[in-house]
Amino acid sequence: MNPFCDGQCKWILTRCRPVTFNVSESGYYKLCNCKMSANAPFCNGTHQQVIRWAQKHHRGFWSLWGVAAFWGTFGYWGFTFYK
């Protein structure tokens, strides 16, 4: 399970690769699961910035499905017009 390597990256085409590291001192360390940390494999809180950005720029249901419904309607009309 993440963040530990299970060898799946050998079979699945992905940019996520194992990172080996040594810890010089015993203590509490947070390992990054979002794979966006500049301090890999340790967490630097980048995931919080990504969540805030997504919440700020999210347009709701119609941002994706509204565009699909719009073009889907014209596609359906064009396809069935001459029948």
PDB file of N, CA and C in Angstrom:
ATOM      1  N   MET A   1       0.844  -1.179   0.000  1.00  0.00           N
ATOM      2  CA  MET A   1       0.000   0.000   0.000  1.00  0.00           C
ATOM      3  C   MET A   1       0.886   1.239   0.000  1.00  0.00           C
ATOM      4  N   ASN A   2       0.373   2.312  -0.555  1.00  0.00           N
ATOM      5  CA  ASN A   2       1.106   3.559  -0.597  1.00  0.00           C
ATOM      6  C   ASN A   2       1.493   3.999   0.794  1.00  0.00           C
ATOM      7  N   PRO A   3       2.611   4.512   1.070  1.00  0.00           N
ATOM      8  CA  PRO A   3       3.725   4.914   0.233  1.00  0.00           C
ATOM      9  C   PRO A   3       4.762   3.830   0.019  1.00  0.00           C
ATOM     10  N   PHE A   4       4.517   2.611   0.471  1.00  0.00           N
ATOM     11  CA  PHE A   4       5.499   1.540   0.321  1.00  0.00           C
ATOM     12  C   PHE A   4       5.374   0.889  -1.045  1.00  0.00           C
ATOM     13  N   CYS A   5       6.492   0.474  -1.616  1.00  0.00           N
ATOM     14  CA  CYS A   5       6.524  -0.083  -2.966  1.00  0.00           C
ATOM     15  C   CYS A   5       5.978  -1.501  -2.974  1.00  0.00           C
ATOM     16  N   ASP A   6       5.061  -1.776  -3.902  1.00  0.00           N
ATOM     17  CA  ASP A   6       4.550  -3.136  -4.070  1.00  0.00           C
ATOM     18  C   ASP A   6       4.964  -3.715  -5.420  1.00  0.00           C
ATOM     19  N   GLY A   7       5.776  -2.994  -6.187  1.00  0.00           N
ATOM     20  CA  GLY A   7       6.282  -3.494  -7.459  1.00  0.00           C
ATOM     21  C   GLY A   7       5.352  -3.306  -8.639  1.00  0.00           C
ATOM     22  N   GLN A   8       4.218  -2.644  -8.468  1.00  0.00           N
ATOM     23  CA  GLN A   8       3.257  -2.465  -9.558  1.00  0.00           C
ATOM     24  C   GLN A   8       3.778  -1.522 -10.636  1.00  0.00           C
ATOM     25  N   CYS A   9       4.736  -0.680 -10.317  1.00  0.00           N
ATOM     26  CA  CYS A   9       5.247   0.270 -11.313  1.00  0.00           C
ATOM     27  C   CYS A   9       6.014  -0.448 -12.423  1.00  0.00           C
ATOM     28  N   LYS A  10       6.377  -1.693 -12.199  1.00  0.00           N
ATOM     29  CA  LYS A  10       7.051  -2.458 -13.251  1.00  0.00           C
ATOM     30  C   LYS A  10       6.074  -2.846 -14.350  1.00  0.00           C
ATOM     31  N   TRP A  11       4.799  -2.976 -13.993  1.00  0.00           N
ATOM     32  CA  TRP A  11       3.802  -3.492 -14.934  1.00  0.00           C
ATOM     33  C   TRP A  11       2.837  -2.411 -15.418  1.00  0.00           C
ATOM     34  N   ILE A  12       2.692  -1.335 -14.687  1.00  0.00           N
ATOM     35  CA  ILE A  12       1.752  -0.268 -15.029  1.00  0.00           C
ATOM     36  C   ILE A  12       2.548   0.939 -15.517  1.00  0.00           C
ATOM     37  N   LEU A  13       2.107   1.546 -16.606  1.00  0.00           N
ATOM     38  CA  LEU A  13       2.777   2.722 -17.146  1.00  0.00           C
ATOM     39  C   LEU A  13       2.403   3.936 -16.298  1.00  0.00           C
ATOM     40  N   THR A  14       3.338   4.384 -15.480  1.00  0.00           N
ATOM     41  CA  THR A  14       3.086   5.497 -14.574  1.00  0.00           C
ATOM     42  C   THR A  14       4.386   6.248 -14.340  1.00  0.00           C
ATOM     43  N   ARG A  15       4.270   7.493 -13.896  1.00  0.00           N
ATOM     44  CA  ARG A  15       5.464   8.268 -13.590  1.00  0.00           C
ATOM     45  C   ARG A  15       5.899   8.090 -12.144  1.00  0.00           C
ATOM     46  N   CYS A  16       5.097   7.426 -11.343  1.00  0.00           N
ATOM     47  CA  CYS A  16       5.432   7.203  -9.939  1.00  0.00           C
ATOM     48  C   CYS A  16       6.438   6.070  -9.834  1.00  0.00           C
ATOM     49  N   ARG A  17       7.565   6.361  -9.243  1.00  0.00           N
ATOM     50  CA  ARG A  17       8.624   5.378  -9.075  1.00  0.00           C
ATOM     51  C   ARG A  17       9.047   5.339  -7.612  1.00  0.00           C
ATOM     52  N   PRO A  18       9.590   4.204  -7.167  1.00  0.00           N
ATOM     53  CA  PRO A  18      10.034   4.104  -5.775  1.00  0.00           C
ATOM     54  C   PRO A  18      11.198   5.046  -5.480  1.00  0.00           C
ATOM     55  N   VAL A  19      11.222   5.560  -4.285  1.00  0.00           N
ATOM     56  CA  VAL A  19      12.297   6.426  -3.821  1.00  0.00           C
ATOM     57  C   VAL A  19      12.890   5.774  -2.580  1.00  0.00           C
ATOM     58  N   THR A  20      14.191   5.533  -2.600  1.00  0.00           N
ATOM     59  CA  THR A  20      14.847   4.980  -1.414  1.00  0.00           C
ATOM     60  C   THR A  20      15.405   6.124  -0.582  1.00  0.00           C
ATOM     61  N   PHE A  21      15.363   5.950   0.730  1.00  0.00           N
ATOM     62  CA  PHE A  21      15.866   6.991   1.617  1.00  0.00           C
ATOM     63  C   PHE A  21      16.309   6.359   2.929  1.00  0.00           C
ATOM     64  N   ASN A  22      17.188   7.047   3.614  1.00  0.00           N
ATOM     65  CA  ASN A  22      17.650   6.660   4.942  1.00  0.00           C
ATOM     66  C   ASN A  22      17.354   7.800   5.895  1.00  0.00           C
ATOM     67  N   VAL A  23      16.938   7.446   7.084  1.00  0.00           N
ATOM     68  CA  VAL A  23      16.659   8.441   8.105  1.00  0.00           C
ATOM     69  C   VAL A  23      17.797   8.394   9.108  1.00  0.00           C
ATOM     70  N   SER A  24      18.456   9.530   9.315  1.00  0.00           N
ATOM     71  CA  SER A  24      19.628   9.568  10.198  1.00  0.00           C
ATOM     72  C   SER A  24      19.253   9.638  11.681  1.00  0.00           C
ATOM     73  N   GLU A  25      18.092  10.200  11.991  1.00  0.00           N
ATOM     74  CA  GLU A  25      17.665  10.334  13.378  1.00  0.00           C
ATOM     75  C   GLU A  25      16.303   9.688  13.550  1.00  0.00           C
ATOM     76  N   SER A  26      16.076   9.098  14.708  1.00  0.00           N
ATOM     77  CA  SER A  26      14.748   8.546  14.971  1.00  0.00           C
ATOM     78  C   SER A  26      13.812   9.690  15.314  1.00  0.00           C
ATOM     79  N   GLY A  27      12.579   9.542  14.957  1.00  0.00           N
ATOM     80  CA  GLY A  27      11.613  10.598  15.208  1.00  0.00           C
ATOM     81  C   GLY A  27      10.361  10.376  14.391  1.00  0.00           C
ATOM     82  N   TYR A  28       9.530  11.392  14.326  1.00  0.00           N
ATOM     83  CA  TYR A  28       8.258  11.347  13.615  1.00  0.00           C
ATOM     84  C   TYR A  28       8.435  11.978  12.239  1.00  0.00           C
ATOM     85  N   TYR A  29       8.184  11.189  11.195  1.00  0.00           N
ATOM     86  CA  TYR A  29       8.305  11.669   9.820  1.00  0.00           C
ATOM     87  C   TYR A  29       7.009  11.381   9.077  1.00  0.00           C
ATOM     88  N   LYS A  30       6.557  12.340   8.280  1.00  0.00           N
ATOM     89  CA  LYS A  30       5.381  12.141   7.443  1.00  0.00           C
ATOM     90  C   LYS A  30       5.851  11.831   6.023  1.00  0.00           C
ATOM     91  N   LEU A  31       5.359  10.709   5.464  1.00  0.00           N
ATOM     92  CA  LEU A  31       5.697  10.346   4.096  1.00  0.00           C
ATOM     93  C   LEU A  31       4.618  10.869   3.167  1.00  0.00           C
ATOM     94  N   CYS A  32       5.036  11.359   2.010  1.00  0.00           N
ATOM     95  CA  CYS A  32       4.123  11.979   1.048  1.00  0.00           C
ATOM     96  C   CYS A  32       3.369  10.912   0.261  1.00  0.00           C
ATOM     97  N   ASN A  33       2.050  11.030   0.215  1.00  0.00           N
ATOM     98  CA  ASN A  33       1.231  10.142  -0.605  1.00  0.00           C
ATOM     99  C   ASN A  33       0.694  10.837  -1.851  1.00  0.00           C
ATOM    100  N   CYS A  34       0.778  12.156  -1.924  1.00  0.00           N
ATOM    101  CA  CYS A  34       0.239  12.869  -3.082  1.00  0.00           C
ATOM    102  C   CYS A  34       1.237  12.911  -4.233  1.00  0.00           C
ATOM    103  N   LYS A  35       2.484  12.570  -4.005  1.00  0.00           N
ATOM    104  CA  LYS A  35       3.546  12.532  -5.014  1.00  0.00           C
ATOM    105  C   LYS A  35       3.863  13.903  -5.600  1.00  0.00           C
ATOM    106  N   MET A  36       3.538  14.983  -4.889  1.00  0.00           N
ATOM    107  CA  MET A  36       3.813  16.326  -5.384  1.00  0.00           C
ATOM    108  C   MET A  36       4.808  17.076  -4.515  1.00  0.00           C
ATOM    109  N   SER A  37       5.328  16.438  -3.506  1.00  0.00           N
ATOM    110  CA  SER A  37       6.239  17.087  -2.584  1.00  0.00           C
ATOM    111  C   SER A  37       7.590  17.345  -3.247  1.00  0.00           C
ATOM    112  N   ALA A  38       8.143  18.522  -3.017  1.00  0.00           N
ATOM    113  CA  ALA A  38       9.480  18.825  -3.514  1.00  0.00           C
ATOM    114  C   ALA A  38      10.539  18.206  -2.619  1.00  0.00           C
ATOM    115  N   ASN A  39      10.141  17.721  -1.465  1.00  0.00           N
ATOM    116  CA  ASN A  39      11.040  17.128  -0.495  1.00  0.00           C
ATOM    117  C   ASN A  39      10.778  15.623  -0.386  1.00  0.00           C
ATOM    118  N   ALA A  40      10.572  14.963  -1.520  1.00  0.00           N
ATOM    119  CA  ALA A  40      10.213  13.538  -1.528  1.00  0.00           C
ATOM    120  C   ALA A  40      11.272  12.709  -0.839  1.00  0.00           C
ATOM    121  N   PRO A  41      10.887  11.706  -0.111  1.00  0.00           N
ATOM    122  CA  PRO A  41       9.561  11.131   0.116  1.00  0.00           C
ATOM    123  C   PRO A  41       8.832  11.741   1.305  1.00  0.00           C
ATOM    124  N   PHE A  42       9.345  12.839   1.860  1.00  0.00           N
ATOM    125  CA  PHE A  42       8.719  13.446   3.025  1.00  0.00           C
ATOM    126  C   PHE A  42       7.685  14.487   2.601  1.00  0.00           C
ATOM    127  N   CYS A  43       6.642  14.610   3.385  1.00  0.00           N
ATOM    128  CA  CYS A  43       5.547  15.533   3.072  1.00  0.00           C
ATOM    129  C   CYS A  43       5.935  16.960   3.444  1.00  0.00           C
ATOM    130  N   ASN A  44       5.642  17.904   2.529  1.00  0.00           N
ATOM    131  CA  ASN A  44       5.873  19.315   2.833  1.00  0.00           C
ATOM    132  C   ASN A  44       4.581  20.131   2.778  1.00  0.00           C
ATOM    133  N   GLY A  45       3.429  19.467   2.691  1.00  0.00           N
ATOM    134  CA  GLY A  45       2.140  20.149   2.727  1.00  0.00           C
ATOM    135  C   GLY A  45       1.642  20.631   1.377  1.00  0.00           C
ATOM    136  N   THR A  46       2.240  20.184   0.291  1.00  0.00           N
ATOM    137  CA  THR A  46       1.820  20.617  -1.044  1.00  0.00           C
ATOM    138  C   THR A  46       0.374  20.222  -1.328  1.00  0.00           C
ATOM    139  N   HIS A  47      -0.062  19.088  -0.801  1.00  0.00           N
ATOM    140  CA  HIS A  47      -1.420  18.612  -1.064  1.00  0.00           C
ATOM    141  C   HIS A  47      -2.474  19.593  -0.552  1.00  0.00           C
ATOM    142  N   GLN A  48      -2.171  20.326   0.502  1.00  0.00           N
ATOM    143  CA  GLN A  48      -3.118  21.312   1.011  1.00  0.00           C
ATOM    144  C   GLN A  48      -3.287  22.462   0.024  1.00  0.00           C
ATOM    145  N   GLN A  49      -2.208  22.871  -0.629  1.00  0.00           N
ATOM    146  CA  GLN A  49      -2.285  23.932  -1.628  1.00  0.00           C
ATOM    147  C   GLN A  49      -3.073  23.465  -2.852  1.00  0.00           C
ATOM    148  N   VAL A  50      -2.898  22.207  -3.241  1.00  0.00           N
ATOM    149  CA  VAL A  50      -3.619  21.672  -4.389  1.00  0.00           C
ATOM    150  C   VAL A  50      -5.114  21.617  -4.091  1.00  0.00           C
ATOM    151  N   ILE A  51      -5.479  21.197  -2.887  1.00  0.00           N
ATOM    152  CA  ILE A  51      -6.898  21.136  -2.506  1.00  0.00           C
ATOM    153  C   ILE A  51      -7.504  22.531  -2.488  1.00  0.00           C
ATOM    154  N   ARG A  52      -6.778  23.501  -1.942  1.00  0.00           N
ATOM    155  CA  ARG A  52      -7.296  24.887  -1.922  1.00  0.00           C
ATOM    156  C   ARG A  52      -7.475  25.433  -3.335  1.00  0.00           C
ATOM    157  N   TRP A  53      -6.521  25.141  -4.233  1.00  0.00           N
ATOM    158  CA  TRP A  53      -6.632  25.604  -5.612  1.00  0.00           C
ATOM    159  C   TRP A  53      -7.849  24.980  -6.285  1.00  0.00           C
ATOM    160  N   ALA A  54      -8.057  23.674  -6.074  1.00  0.00           N
ATOM    161  CA  ALA A  54      -9.186  22.991  -6.703  1.00  0.00           C
ATOM    162  C   ALA A  54     -10.513  23.529  -6.184  1.00  0.00           C
ATOM    163  N   GLN A  55     -10.602  23.794  -4.892  1.00  0.00           N
ATOM    164  CA  GLN A  55     -11.843  24.330  -4.339  1.00  0.00           C
ATOM    165  C   GLN A  55     -12.117  25.744  -4.853  1.00  0.00           C
ATOM    166  N   LYS A  56     -11.071  26.527  -5.050  1.00  0.00           N
ATOM    167  CA  LYS A  56     -11.239  27.897  -5.532  1.00  0.00           C
ATOM    168  C   LYS A  56     -11.678  27.925  -7.000  1.00  0.00           C
ATOM    169  N   HIS A  57     -11.162  27.009  -7.817  1.00  0.00           N
ATOM    170  CA  HIS A  57     -11.414  27.029  -9.252  1.00  0.00           C
ATOM    171  C   HIS A  57     -12.482  26.053  -9.708  1.00  0.00           C
ATOM    172  N   HIS A  58     -13.105  25.339  -8.783  1.00  0.00           N
ATOM    173  CA  HIS A  58     -14.138  24.376  -9.167  1.00  0.00           C
ATOM    174  C   HIS A  58     -15.402  25.106  -9.584  1.00  0.00           C
ATOM    175  N   ARG A  59     -15.942  24.744 -10.728  1.00  0.00           N
ATOM    176  CA  ARG A  59     -17.121  25.436 -11.251  1.00  0.00           C
ATOM    177  C   ARG A  59     -18.398  24.635 -11.060  1.00  0.00           C
ATOM    178  N   GLY A  60     -18.317  23.492 -10.470  1.00  0.00           N
ATOM    179  CA  GLY A  60     -19.506  22.713 -10.211  1.00  0.00           C
ATOM    180  C   GLY A  60     -19.814  21.731 -11.322  1.00  0.00           C
ATOM    181  N   PHE A  61     -21.007  21.193 -11.251  1.00  0.00           N
ATOM    182  CA  PHE A  61     -21.444  20.123 -12.142  1.00  0.00           C
ATOM    183  C   PHE A  61     -21.431  20.530 -13.600  1.00  0.00           C
ATOM    184  N   TRP A  62     -21.863  21.743 -13.912  1.00  0.00           N
ATOM    185  CA  TRP A  62     -22.049  22.142 -15.307  1.00  0.00           C
ATOM    186  C   TRP A  62     -20.769  22.526 -16.020  1.00  0.00           C
ATOM    187  N   SER A  63     -19.665  22.625 -15.320  1.00  0.00           N
ATOM    188  CA  SER A  63     -18.432  22.969 -16.026  1.00  0.00           C
ATOM    189  C   SER A  63     -18.035  21.872 -17.002  1.00  0.00           C
ATOM    190  N   LEU A  64     -18.226  20.634 -16.627  1.00  0.00           N
ATOM    191  CA  LEU A  64     -17.891  19.524 -17.517  1.00  0.00           C
ATOM    192  C   LEU A  64     -19.127  19.010 -18.246  1.00  0.00           C
ATOM    193  N   TRP A  65     -20.171  18.709 -17.502  1.00  0.00           N
ATOM    194  CA  TRP A  65     -21.354  18.099 -18.102  1.00  0.00           C
ATOM    195  C   TRP A  65     -22.159  19.081 -18.933  1.00  0.00           C
ATOM    196  N   GLY A  66     -22.086  20.372 -18.639  1.00  0.00           N
ATOM    197  CA  GLY A  66     -22.792  21.363 -19.446  1.00  0.00           C
ATOM    198  C   GLY A  66     -22.209  21.452 -20.849  1.00  0.00           C
ATOM    199  N   VAL A  67     -20.894  21.415 -20.939  1.00  0.00           N
ATOM    200  CA  VAL A  67     -20.246  21.459 -22.254  1.00  0.00           C
ATOM    201  C   VAL A  67     -20.569  20.185 -23.023  1.00  0.00           C
ATOM    202  N   ALA A  68     -20.529  19.037 -22.349  1.00  0.00           N
ATOM    203  CA  ALA A  68     -20.850  17.765 -23.004  1.00  0.00           C
ATOM    204  C   ALA A  68     -22.309  17.738 -23.454  1.00  0.00           C
ATOM    205  N   ALA A  69     -23.210  18.268 -22.634  1.00  0.00           N
ATOM    206  CA  ALA A  69     -24.624  18.300 -23.013  1.00  0.00           C
ATOM    207  C   ALA A  69     -24.851  19.245 -24.193  1.00  0.00           C
ATOM    208  N   PHE A  70     -24.168  20.376 -24.206  1.00  0.00           N
ATOM    209  CA  PHE A  70     -24.312  21.343 -25.289  1.00  0.00           C
ATOM    210  C   PHE A  70     -23.908  20.726 -26.625  1.00  0.00           C
ATOM    211  N   TRP A  71     -22.695  20.175 -26.702  1.00  0.00           N
ATOM    212  CA  TRP A  71     -22.227  19.601 -27.958  1.00  0.00           C
ATOM    213  C   TRP A  71     -22.929  18.286 -28.274  1.00  0.00           C
ATOM    214  N   GLY A  72     -23.319  17.559 -27.262  1.00  0.00           N
ATOM    215  CA  GLY A  72     -24.071  16.328 -27.493  1.00  0.00           C
ATOM    216  C   GLY A  72     -25.428  16.601 -28.111  1.00  0.00           C
ATOM    217  N   THR A  73     -26.068  17.672 -27.694  1.00  0.00           N
ATOM    218  CA  THR A  73     -27.366  18.047 -28.259  1.00  0.00           C
ATOM    219  C   THR A  73     -27.232  18.406 -29.733  1.00  0.00           C
ATOM    220  N   PHE A  74     -26.243  19.229 -30.068  1.00  0.00           N
ATOM    221  CA  PHE A  74     -26.046  19.586 -31.471  1.00  0.00           C
ATOM    222  C   PHE A  74     -25.628  18.383 -32.311  1.00  0.00           C
ATOM    223  N   GLY A  75     -24.838  17.488 -31.726  1.00  0.00           N
ATOM    224  CA  GLY A  75     -24.469  16.268 -32.432  1.00  0.00           C
ATOM    225  C   GLY A  75     -25.671  15.389 -32.698  1.00  0.00           C
ATOM    226  N   TYR A  76     -26.554  15.274 -31.717  1.00  0.00           N
ATOM    227  CA  TYR A  76     -27.769  14.469 -31.886  1.00  0.00           C
ATOM    228  C   TYR A  76     -28.691  15.090 -32.926  1.00  0.00           C
ATOM    229  N   TRP A  77     -28.864  16.400 -32.888  1.00  0.00           N
ATOM    230  CA  TRP A  77     -29.709  17.063 -33.885  1.00  0.00           C
ATOM    231  C   TRP A  77     -29.136  16.882 -35.288  1.00  0.00           C
ATOM    232  N   GLY A  78     -27.847  17.045 -35.417  1.00  0.00           N
ATOM    233  CA  GLY A  78     -27.218  16.873 -36.731  1.00  0.00           C
ATOM    234  C   GLY A  78     -27.315  15.446 -37.233  1.00  0.00           C
ATOM    235  N   PHE A  79     -27.232  14.495 -36.338  1.00  0.00           N
ATOM    236  CA  PHE A  79     -27.287  13.091 -36.725  1.00  0.00           C
ATOM    237  C   PHE A  79     -28.709  12.669 -37.130  1.00  0.00           C
ATOM    238  N   THR A  80     -29.701  13.220 -36.465  1.00  0.00           N
ATOM    239  CA  THR A  80     -31.101  12.811 -36.716  1.00  0.00           C
ATOM    240  C   THR A  80     -31.867  13.772 -37.624  1.00  0.00           C
ATOM    241  N   PHE A  81     -31.231  14.803 -38.157  1.00  0.00           N
ATOM    242  CA  PHE A  81     -31.935  15.826 -38.907  1.00  0.00           C
ATOM    243  C   PHE A  81     -32.543  15.291 -40.193  1.00  0.00           C
ATOM    244  N   TYR A  82     -31.816  14.441 -40.912  1.00  0.00           N
ATOM    245  CA  TYR A  82     -32.263  13.980 -42.216  1.00  0.00           C
ATOM    246  C   TYR A  82     -33.036  12.682 -42.172  1.00  0.00           C
ATOM    247  N   LYS A  83     -33.419  12.191 -41.023  1.00  0.00           N
ATOM    248  CA  LYS A  83     -34.159  10.927 -40.944  1.00  0.00           C
ATOM    249  C   LYS A  83     -35.638  11.132 -41.096  1.00  0.00           C
TER     250      LYS A  83
END
